[in-house]
Amino acid sequence: VDLGNCSFLLQEEVGVRFTKEEWALLDSSQRALHGEVMMETSRNLACLSKKLSGFLFQIEEQKLISRLE
């Protein structure tokens, strides 16, 4: 499997950041929504990372088994 075209995402790349001035313009419900969205994004990235790690481990394990056969 060639993963050469994959790019990895960081929280900073998918998160929404506000300046102090922008943050001050948000009401409490908008701030709460922002927090909820950022938490969901973090959970999704963690899940994807875990699945990718497992997938890469399986590939390496299959390569090793093939060499031993």
Protein backbone atom coordinates (compact mmCIF):
# COMPACT_ATOMS: atom_id res chain seq x y z
CA VAL A 1 0.00 0.00 0.00
CA ASP A 2 1.42 3.34 -1.04
CA LEU A 3 0.66 6.10 1.43
CA GLY A 4 2.90 8.59 -0.34
CA ASN A 5 -0.01 10.83 -1.34
CA CYS A 6 -1.50 10.99 2.14
CA SER A 7 -1.24 14.14 4.13
CA PHE A 8 -1.67 14.18 7.86
CA LEU A 9 -3.85 16.72 9.59
CA LEU A 10 -3.05 18.54 12.77
CA GLN A 11 -5.58 20.05 15.14
CA GLU A 12 -4.21 23.48 14.24
CA GLU A 13 -4.98 22.88 10.57
CA VAL A 14 -8.65 22.01 11.03
CA GLY A 15 -9.48 24.11 14.05
CA VAL A 16 -11.03 27.55 13.99
CA ARG A 17 -9.13 30.20 15.87
CA PHE A 18 -10.48 33.59 16.81
CA THR A 19 -8.59 36.74 17.61
CA LYS A 20 -9.31 38.30 21.01
CA GLU A 21 -11.44 40.88 19.25
CA GLU A 22 -13.44 38.24 17.33
CA TRP A 23 -13.90 36.13 20.48
CA ALA A 24 -15.26 39.16 22.32
CA LEU A 25 -17.97 39.53 19.65
CA LEU A 26 -19.30 36.00 20.22
CA ASP A 27 -22.12 35.45 22.68
CA SER A 28 -22.00 32.63 25.23
CA SER A 29 -23.96 30.17 23.05
CA GLN A 30 -21.59 30.76 20.12
CA ARG A 31 -18.59 30.20 22.38
CA ALA A 32 -20.14 27.00 23.72
CA LEU A 33 -20.84 25.78 20.19
CA HIS A 34 -17.24 26.51 19.23
CA GLY A 35 -16.05 24.44 22.19
CA GLU A 36 -18.33 21.54 21.24
CA VAL A 37 -17.19 21.58 17.61
CA MET A 38 -13.52 21.70 18.62
CA MET A 39 -14.01 18.73 21.00
CA GLU A 40 -15.74 16.72 18.28
CA THR A 41 -12.96 17.56 15.85
CA SER A 42 -10.35 16.43 18.38
CA ARG A 43 -12.18 13.14 18.97
CA ASN A 44 -12.49 12.53 15.23
CA LEU A 45 -8.79 13.18 14.65
CA ALA A 46 -7.85 10.88 17.53
CA CYS A 47 -10.08 8.14 16.13
CA LEU A 48 -8.59 8.49 12.65
CA SER A 49 -5.09 8.44 14.09
CA LYS A 50 -5.82 5.25 16.02
CA LYS A 51 -7.34 3.55 12.97
CA LEU A 52 -4.43 4.58 10.75
CA SER A 53 -1.92 3.29 13.31
CA GLY A 54 -3.72 -0.05 13.42
CA PHE A 55 -3.84 -0.21 9.64
CA LEU A 56 -0.12 0.55 9.29
CA PHE A 57 0.67 -2.08 11.95
CA GLN A 58 -1.30 -4.68 9.97
CA ILE A 59 0.59 -3.83 6.79
CA GLU A 60 3.96 -4.19 8.51
CA GLU A 61 2.83 -7.42 10.15
CA GLN A 62 1.78 -8.83 6.76
CA LYS A 63 5.13 -7.86 5.24
CA LEU A 64 6.96 -9.64 8.07
CA ILE A 65 4.84 -12.80 7.72
CA SER A 66 5.45 -12.81 3.96
CA ARG A 67 9.21 -12.64 4.53
CA LEU A 68 9.09 -15.52 7.00
CA GLU A 69 7.13 -17.81 4.68
